[in-house]
Amino acid sequence: MRWHMLHTRSARVLAALPLFEACARFGSFTRAARHLDLTQSAVSRRMQALEAEVGAVLFLREGRRLALTRDGERLRSFAVEAMRGFEAATADFAHTTPGVLRIGTLPSIGALWLTPRLGAFLENSPGASVELVTIDADFGTDRKDPISWDPGAVDVAVTWGRGGWAPLASERLMPETMLAAAAPEFVAQHGLEGPAALARVRRLTHTTRALAWNRWADRHGVALVSDHASQLAFEHFFMVLEAARAGLGVALLPEVLARDDLAVGRLIAVPGSAWRTGASYWCVSRPAAAASPLLAELVQFLRSAAGPGDRRHAAPEKGKQEL
C-alpha cells in the first residue's frame, strides 16, 4: 500500500514538472499559461497542488514577477535534468538508417500488392533501399485496430483496419472493396451471372474473417446454403487467391489483392458482387519516423499506386456497411 501511495505521488509530481519549469522560466503564471495554451487559474491551481505534494513553498512574489525559493531552485534543477533525460532517451526513437526503409506488412498485402510495386518506387527514389518483413495481425479480438506489431522494429507498417492506432501516426491509402471472383472455367460451369448464383456454389473462406461471406450475403440479399462441406477455409488471402485460380470455388477477395489477376483474366469478378466493407488499408508509423522524407515519398507513391482500381469495381454504398 505504501509503495502504491509513493508511486501515485511521484506520478503526480512528474506530470507537473514541465508546467513548473515553464513557470520558473517565464517568471509568471500568466505567461506560462499563454505558452502552454492553458488558463492562468489552471496553472495557479496546479502549482499550488505541486507545493502541497512536495511540502514546500516553491514561488515567492517579487513585485509583478515570480521568483523561486531555495527549494524551488532545487526542484527546477531536477525538472531540467529529468526533461533532458527524457529527450536523450527518446532521441533515437526516430532513428532510421539513411536511405533504408524497413516496411512491416501483412503477408497477403505484402505478397500480392506491395511487392510487385516496389520496383517502381525504387526507380523513382534512386539510392533508396527497402527491407520488407511481415507483421503479426490480431483481427479476431474485440479491440479496435490493435497494435499487434512492434512499431520500433519497422519504419512503417502497411496494414488493414478502420483507423486509430494511437499514439501512432496513420495515413489512409485506400478504402477496401471486396468482391466475389473465380476462375473463368468455374464461372462458366456454374453460370455465375450475379450474386444470387453464389448461393449454392463452393465458397472459399478466410478463417480470420470468417463472417465476411455472411455479411456480404446480407448486403446483397442472398440466402447462402448453410453447408460446411461446400466451403474451403484458408488462413491467408494469398492462399484463398491461389485456390480461386485453381478453380476450387468462388472467393470473396479484397479487390486490391485480386486486381492483377482480374486485369489479365486469371479471375473473373461476379457482376454486382462488390461490397465496400468500411475498412481501409493504411500506412502506420511512429510520429517521429513519419517525418522522414523517404517515408513521405513511400506514402505518396503507395497512394498513387492504389489508384482508381478500388473504385473501378465498387458498387454504390447503401447505408452503413461493415466487415
Protein backbone atom coordinates (compact mmCIF):
# COMPACT_ATOMS: atom_id res chain seq x y z
CA MET A 1 0.00 0.00 0.00
CA ARG A 2 2.84 2.40 0.89
CA TRP A 3 4.56 1.70 -2.44
CA HIS A 4 1.30 2.40 -4.28
CA MET A 5 0.94 5.74 -2.47
CA LEU A 6 4.54 6.72 -3.25
CA HIS A 7 4.11 5.72 -6.88
CA THR A 8 0.92 7.77 -7.20
CA ARG A 9 2.57 10.81 -5.57
CA SER A 10 5.63 10.54 -7.82
CA ALA A 11 3.42 10.29 -10.91
CA ARG A 12 1.58 13.50 -9.96
CA VAL A 13 4.82 15.38 -9.30
CA LEU A 14 6.46 14.20 -12.52
CA ALA A 15 3.40 15.16 -14.55
CA ALA A 16 3.59 18.71 -13.15
CA LEU A 17 7.31 19.24 -13.80
CA PRO A 18 7.04 20.64 -17.38
CA LEU A 19 4.46 23.17 -16.20
CA PHE A 20 6.57 24.05 -13.15
CA GLU A 21 9.66 24.55 -15.34
CA ALA A 22 7.71 26.87 -17.66
CA CYS A 23 6.52 28.97 -14.73
CA ALA A 24 10.08 29.20 -13.42
CA ARG A 25 11.47 30.09 -16.83
CA PHE A 26 8.90 32.81 -17.58
CA GLY A 27 8.65 34.09 -14.01
CA SER A 28 4.90 34.33 -14.48
CA PHE A 29 1.88 32.03 -14.26
CA THR A 30 0.16 34.13 -16.91
CA ARG A 31 2.99 33.88 -19.46
CA ALA A 32 3.46 30.16 -18.76
CA ALA A 33 -0.27 29.63 -19.24
CA ARG A 34 -0.21 31.50 -22.56
CA HIS A 35 2.79 29.47 -23.73
CA LEU A 36 1.14 26.15 -22.86
CA ASP A 37 -2.36 27.16 -24.02
CA LEU A 38 -3.84 26.91 -20.53
CA THR A 39 -5.73 29.35 -18.33
CA GLN A 40 -3.87 31.34 -15.66
CA SER A 41 -6.17 29.95 -12.97
CA ALA A 42 -5.47 26.37 -14.05
CA VAL A 43 -1.72 26.95 -13.86
CA SER A 44 -2.04 28.58 -10.45
CA ARG A 45 -4.07 25.64 -9.11
CA ARG A 46 -1.57 23.11 -10.49
CA MET A 47 1.35 24.91 -8.85
CA GLN A 48 -0.50 25.11 -5.53
CA ALA A 49 -1.15 21.38 -5.77
CA LEU A 50 2.52 20.75 -6.57
CA GLU A 51 3.62 22.72 -3.50
CA ALA A 52 1.24 20.63 -1.41
CA GLU A 53 2.64 17.40 -2.89
CA VAL A 54 6.30 18.25 -2.22
CA GLY A 55 5.58 20.01 1.08
CA ALA A 56 7.49 23.17 0.22
CA VAL A 57 6.96 26.74 -0.95
CA LEU A 58 8.33 26.96 -4.48
CA PHE A 59 7.49 30.55 -5.54
CA LEU A 60 7.80 34.00 -3.99
CA ARG A 61 6.21 37.20 -5.26
CA GLU A 62 8.71 39.92 -6.18
CA GLY A 63 6.61 42.77 -7.46
CA ARG A 64 4.85 41.52 -10.59
CA ARG A 65 7.31 38.71 -11.10
CA LEU A 66 7.60 35.26 -9.55
CA ALA A 67 10.89 34.21 -8.00
CA LEU A 68 11.93 30.74 -6.94
CA THR A 69 12.65 29.89 -3.33
CA ARG A 70 15.70 27.82 -2.47
CA ASP A 71 13.53 24.69 -2.58
CA GLY A 72 12.10 25.89 -5.88
CA GLU A 73 15.60 26.21 -7.36
CA ARG A 74 16.42 22.66 -6.28
CA LEU A 75 13.24 21.32 -7.86
CA ARG A 76 13.85 23.30 -11.04
CA SER A 77 17.33 21.74 -11.40
CA PHE A 78 15.75 18.31 -11.04
CA ALA A 79 13.00 19.20 -13.54
CA VAL A 80 15.51 20.36 -16.15
CA GLU A 81 17.62 17.22 -15.73
CA ALA A 82 14.55 14.99 -15.90
CA MET A 83 13.35 16.64 -19.12
CA ARG A 84 16.83 16.42 -20.65
CA GLY A 85 16.95 12.75 -19.71
CA PHE A 86 13.61 12.20 -21.40
CA GLU A 87 14.82 13.92 -24.57
CA ALA A 88 18.01 11.84 -24.58
CA ALA A 89 16.09 8.61 -24.00
CA THR A 90 13.68 9.28 -26.87
CA ALA A 91 16.13 10.88 -29.32
CA ASP A 92 16.80 7.57 -31.06
CA PHE A 93 13.12 6.72 -31.46
CA ALA A 94 13.15 8.44 -34.85
CA HIS A 95 16.46 6.88 -35.90
CA THR A 96 16.46 5.05 -39.20
CA THR A 97 19.33 4.05 -41.42
CA PRO A 98 19.64 6.78 -44.08
CA GLY A 99 18.21 5.66 -47.40
CA VAL A 100 16.76 2.44 -45.94
CA LEU A 101 13.07 1.78 -45.27
CA ARG A 102 12.06 -1.18 -43.14
CA ILE A 103 8.45 -1.92 -44.05
CA GLY A 104 6.27 -4.25 -42.00
CA THR A 105 3.24 -5.60 -43.80
CA LEU A 106 0.52 -8.22 -43.63
CA PRO A 107 1.54 -11.33 -45.62
CA SER A 108 -1.09 -11.10 -48.35
CA ILE A 109 -0.96 -7.36 -48.98
CA GLY A 110 2.83 -7.63 -49.00
CA ALA A 111 2.98 -10.53 -51.44
CA LEU A 112 0.10 -9.65 -53.77
CA TRP A 113 0.10 -5.86 -53.91
CA LEU A 114 3.11 -4.21 -52.29
CA THR A 115 6.00 -6.35 -53.57
CA PRO A 116 5.08 -6.11 -57.29
CA ARG A 117 5.07 -2.31 -56.99
CA LEU A 118 8.31 -1.78 -55.07
CA GLY A 119 10.40 -1.79 -58.24
CA ALA A 120 8.65 1.33 -59.49
CA PHE A 121 9.18 3.03 -56.11
CA LEU A 122 12.91 2.26 -56.16
CA GLU A 123 13.17 3.62 -59.72
CA ASN A 124 11.59 6.87 -58.54
CA SER A 125 13.81 7.04 -55.42
CA PRO A 126 17.41 6.44 -56.53
CA GLY A 127 19.65 5.26 -53.72
CA ALA A 128 16.77 4.06 -51.54
CA SER A 129 16.70 0.53 -50.16
CA VAL A 130 13.74 -1.42 -48.81
CA GLU A 131 13.56 -4.26 -46.32
CA LEU A 132 10.17 -5.96 -46.28
CA VAL A 133 9.09 -8.03 -43.28
CA THR A 134 5.75 -9.48 -42.23
CA ILE A 135 3.96 -8.24 -39.12
CA ASP A 136 1.60 -10.06 -36.82
CA ALA A 137 -2.10 -9.34 -37.01
CA ASP A 138 -4.85 -9.97 -34.49
CA PHE A 139 -8.16 -9.17 -36.15
CA GLY A 140 -10.06 -11.75 -34.13
CA THR A 141 -10.20 -9.71 -30.93
CA ASP A 142 -12.85 -7.20 -29.93
CA ARG A 143 -10.23 -4.46 -29.72
CA LYS A 144 -10.41 -1.81 -32.38
CA ASP A 145 -7.31 -1.80 -34.58
CA PRO A 146 -4.91 -3.50 -32.16
CA ILE A 147 -1.21 -2.65 -32.44
CA SER A 148 -0.04 -6.24 -32.86
CA TRP A 149 3.47 -5.45 -34.11
CA ASP A 150 6.45 -3.63 -32.56
CA PRO A 151 6.38 -0.09 -34.01
CA GLY A 152 10.02 0.41 -33.06
CA ALA A 153 11.14 -2.56 -35.20
CA VAL A 154 9.93 -1.07 -38.51
CA ASP A 155 9.79 2.37 -40.06
CA VAL A 156 6.22 1.89 -41.29
CA ALA A 157 3.54 -0.79 -41.27
CA VAL A 158 1.19 -1.32 -44.19
CA THR A 159 -1.89 -2.80 -42.60
CA TRP A 160 -5.68 -3.05 -42.63
CA GLY A 161 -8.27 -1.56 -40.30
CA ARG A 162 -10.58 1.35 -39.56
CA GLY A 163 -8.07 3.91 -38.30
CA GLY A 164 -6.75 4.66 -34.87
CA TRP A 165 -3.61 3.00 -33.54
CA ALA A 166 -2.96 5.86 -31.10
CA PRO A 167 -0.37 7.12 -30.36
CA LEU A 168 0.98 6.16 -33.78
CA ALA A 169 0.54 8.26 -36.94
CA SER A 170 -1.66 6.74 -39.64
CA GLU A 171 -2.20 7.65 -43.29
CA ARG A 172 -5.03 6.04 -45.26
CA LEU A 173 -4.00 4.58 -48.61
CA MET A 174 -7.34 3.31 -49.97
CA PRO A 175 -10.73 2.08 -48.84
CA GLU A 176 -11.41 -1.65 -49.05
CA THR A 177 -13.84 -3.14 -51.54
CA MET A 178 -14.36 -6.88 -51.58
CA LEU A 179 -15.82 -8.79 -54.49
CA ALA A 180 -16.62 -12.38 -55.42
CA ALA A 181 -14.29 -13.79 -58.05
CA ALA A 182 -13.49 -17.17 -59.56
CA ALA A 183 -11.53 -18.77 -62.36
CA PRO A 184 -13.13 -18.35 -65.83
CA GLU A 185 -13.90 -22.08 -66.06
CA PHE A 186 -15.65 -22.08 -62.67
CA VAL A 187 -17.69 -19.02 -63.63
CA ALA A 188 -18.76 -20.64 -66.89
CA GLN A 189 -19.50 -24.04 -65.33
CA HIS A 190 -21.78 -22.59 -62.63
CA GLY A 191 -23.28 -19.71 -64.58
CA LEU A 192 -22.19 -17.03 -62.12
CA GLU A 193 -24.05 -14.12 -63.63
CA GLY A 194 -24.84 -12.31 -60.39
CA PRO A 195 -24.83 -12.53 -56.57
CA ALA A 196 -27.84 -14.86 -56.38
CA ALA A 197 -25.91 -17.53 -58.28
CA LEU A 198 -23.42 -17.81 -55.43
CA ALA A 199 -25.96 -19.28 -53.00
CA ARG A 200 -25.06 -22.92 -53.66
CA VAL A 201 -21.55 -22.96 -55.11
CA ARG A 202 -18.42 -23.81 -53.16
CA ARG A 203 -17.15 -20.76 -51.29
CA LEU A 204 -13.54 -20.08 -50.35
CA THR A 205 -13.23 -18.54 -46.88
CA HIS A 206 -10.58 -16.60 -44.97
CA THR A 207 -10.50 -18.04 -41.42
CA THR A 208 -9.77 -14.72 -39.69
CA ARG A 209 -12.65 -13.02 -41.47
CA ALA A 210 -14.97 -16.00 -41.35
CA LEU A 211 -18.15 -13.90 -41.18
CA ALA A 212 -17.35 -11.91 -44.30
CA TRP A 213 -19.45 -14.15 -46.57
CA ASN A 214 -22.46 -13.82 -44.26
CA ARG A 215 -22.20 -10.05 -44.19
CA TRP A 216 -21.69 -9.95 -47.94
CA ALA A 217 -24.86 -12.05 -48.31
CA ASP A 218 -26.83 -9.73 -46.02
CA ARG A 219 -25.68 -6.75 -48.09
CA HIS A 220 -26.74 -8.39 -51.37
CA GLY A 221 -29.89 -10.11 -50.13
CA VAL A 222 -28.59 -13.62 -50.83
CA ALA A 223 -29.51 -16.62 -48.70
CA LEU A 224 -26.39 -18.77 -48.60
CA VAL A 225 -26.86 -22.50 -48.17
CA SER A 226 -25.57 -23.49 -44.73
CA ASP A 227 -23.48 -26.45 -45.80
CA HIS A 228 -19.98 -26.54 -44.35
CA ALA A 229 -18.95 -29.20 -46.85
CA SER A 230 -19.40 -26.60 -49.59
CA GLN A 231 -16.64 -24.37 -48.18
CA LEU A 232 -12.85 -24.40 -48.06
CA ALA A 233 -11.10 -22.23 -45.45
CA PHE A 234 -7.61 -20.75 -45.57
CA GLU A 235 -5.51 -18.70 -43.16
CA HIS A 236 -4.27 -16.09 -45.64
CA PHE A 237 -5.75 -14.30 -48.63
CA PHE A 238 -2.86 -15.40 -50.86
CA MET A 239 -3.99 -18.98 -50.17
CA VAL A 240 -7.61 -18.07 -50.94
CA LEU A 241 -6.47 -16.42 -54.16
CA GLU A 242 -4.44 -19.44 -55.23
CA ALA A 243 -7.42 -21.73 -54.58
CA ALA A 244 -9.62 -19.48 -56.72
CA ARG A 245 -7.06 -19.55 -59.53
CA ALA A 246 -7.10 -23.36 -59.33
CA GLY A 247 -10.86 -23.41 -59.84
CA LEU A 248 -11.68 -24.75 -56.37
CA GLY A 249 -14.51 -22.30 -55.77
CA VAL A 250 -15.56 -18.68 -55.64
CA ALA A 251 -13.56 -16.37 -53.38
CA LEU A 252 -14.57 -13.20 -51.56
CA LEU A 253 -11.43 -11.13 -52.03
CA PRO A 254 -10.28 -7.57 -51.42
CA GLU A 255 -10.23 -6.02 -54.88
CA VAL A 256 -6.74 -4.64 -54.32
CA LEU A 257 -5.37 -8.17 -53.82
CA ALA A 258 -7.17 -9.59 -56.84
CA ARG A 259 -6.53 -6.59 -59.09
CA ASP A 260 -3.68 -8.05 -61.13
CA ASP A 261 -5.49 -11.38 -61.68
CA LEU A 262 -8.64 -9.57 -62.77
CA ALA A 263 -6.66 -7.41 -65.16
CA VAL A 264 -5.19 -10.39 -67.06
CA GLY A 265 -8.28 -12.61 -66.86
CA ARG A 266 -7.00 -15.27 -64.45
CA LEU A 267 -10.04 -14.44 -62.37
CA ILE A 268 -13.44 -13.00 -63.27
CA ALA A 269 -15.43 -10.84 -60.86
CA VAL A 270 -19.05 -11.87 -60.44
CA PRO A 271 -21.15 -8.94 -61.73
CA GLY A 272 -22.79 -6.93 -58.97
CA SER A 273 -20.84 -8.65 -56.19
CA ALA A 274 -18.77 -5.69 -54.94
CA TRP A 275 -19.03 -4.76 -51.27
CA ARG A 276 -17.48 -1.68 -49.63
CA THR A 277 -16.58 -3.01 -46.16
CA GLY A 278 -15.91 0.27 -44.35
CA ALA A 279 -12.30 -0.73 -43.60
CA SER A 280 -9.23 0.61 -45.39
CA TYR A 281 -5.55 -0.03 -45.96
CA TRP A 282 -3.15 2.24 -44.08
CA CYS A 283 0.45 3.26 -43.52
CA VAL A 284 1.10 3.36 -39.77
CA SER A 285 4.30 4.64 -38.14
CA ARG A 286 5.69 6.35 -35.08
CA PRO A 287 5.15 10.13 -35.34
CA ALA A 288 8.91 10.75 -35.31
CA ALA A 289 9.50 8.28 -38.15
CA ALA A 290 6.61 9.78 -40.13
CA ALA A 291 8.68 12.95 -40.55
CA SER A 292 11.23 11.10 -42.69
CA PRO A 293 11.29 12.48 -46.27
CA LEU A 294 11.85 8.96 -47.67
CA LEU A 295 8.85 7.63 -45.78
CA ALA A 296 6.77 10.55 -47.06
CA GLU A 297 7.84 9.59 -50.60
CA LEU A 298 6.75 6.00 -49.98
CA VAL A 299 3.33 7.01 -48.68
CA GLN A 300 2.78 9.32 -51.64
CA PHE A 301 3.86 6.57 -54.04
CA LEU A 302 1.58 3.96 -52.44
CA ARG A 303 -1.38 6.33 -52.56
CA SER A 304 -0.71 6.84 -56.25
CA ALA A 305 -0.30 3.09 -56.76
CA ALA A 306 -3.66 2.49 -55.05
CA GLY A 307 -5.14 4.49 -57.91
CA PRO A 308 -8.73 4.19 -59.07
CA GLY A 309 -8.75 0.40 -59.10
CA ASP A 310 -10.75 0.17 -55.91
CA ARG A 311 -13.41 2.47 -57.31
CA ARG A 312 -13.50 0.62 -60.63
CA HIS A 313 -15.33 -2.36 -59.11
CA ALA A 314 -17.08 -0.69 -56.20
CA ALA A 315 -20.86 -0.62 -56.04
CA PRO A 316 -22.56 2.49 -54.62
CA GLU A 317 -22.73 2.36 -50.84
CA LYS A 318 -26.14 1.76 -49.29
CA GLY A 319 -26.31 2.86 -45.71
CA LYS A 320 -23.83 1.69 -43.12
CA GLN A 321 -21.55 -1.10 -44.24
CA GLU A 322 -19.42 -3.28 -42.06
CA LEU A 323 -16.90 -6.06 -42.15
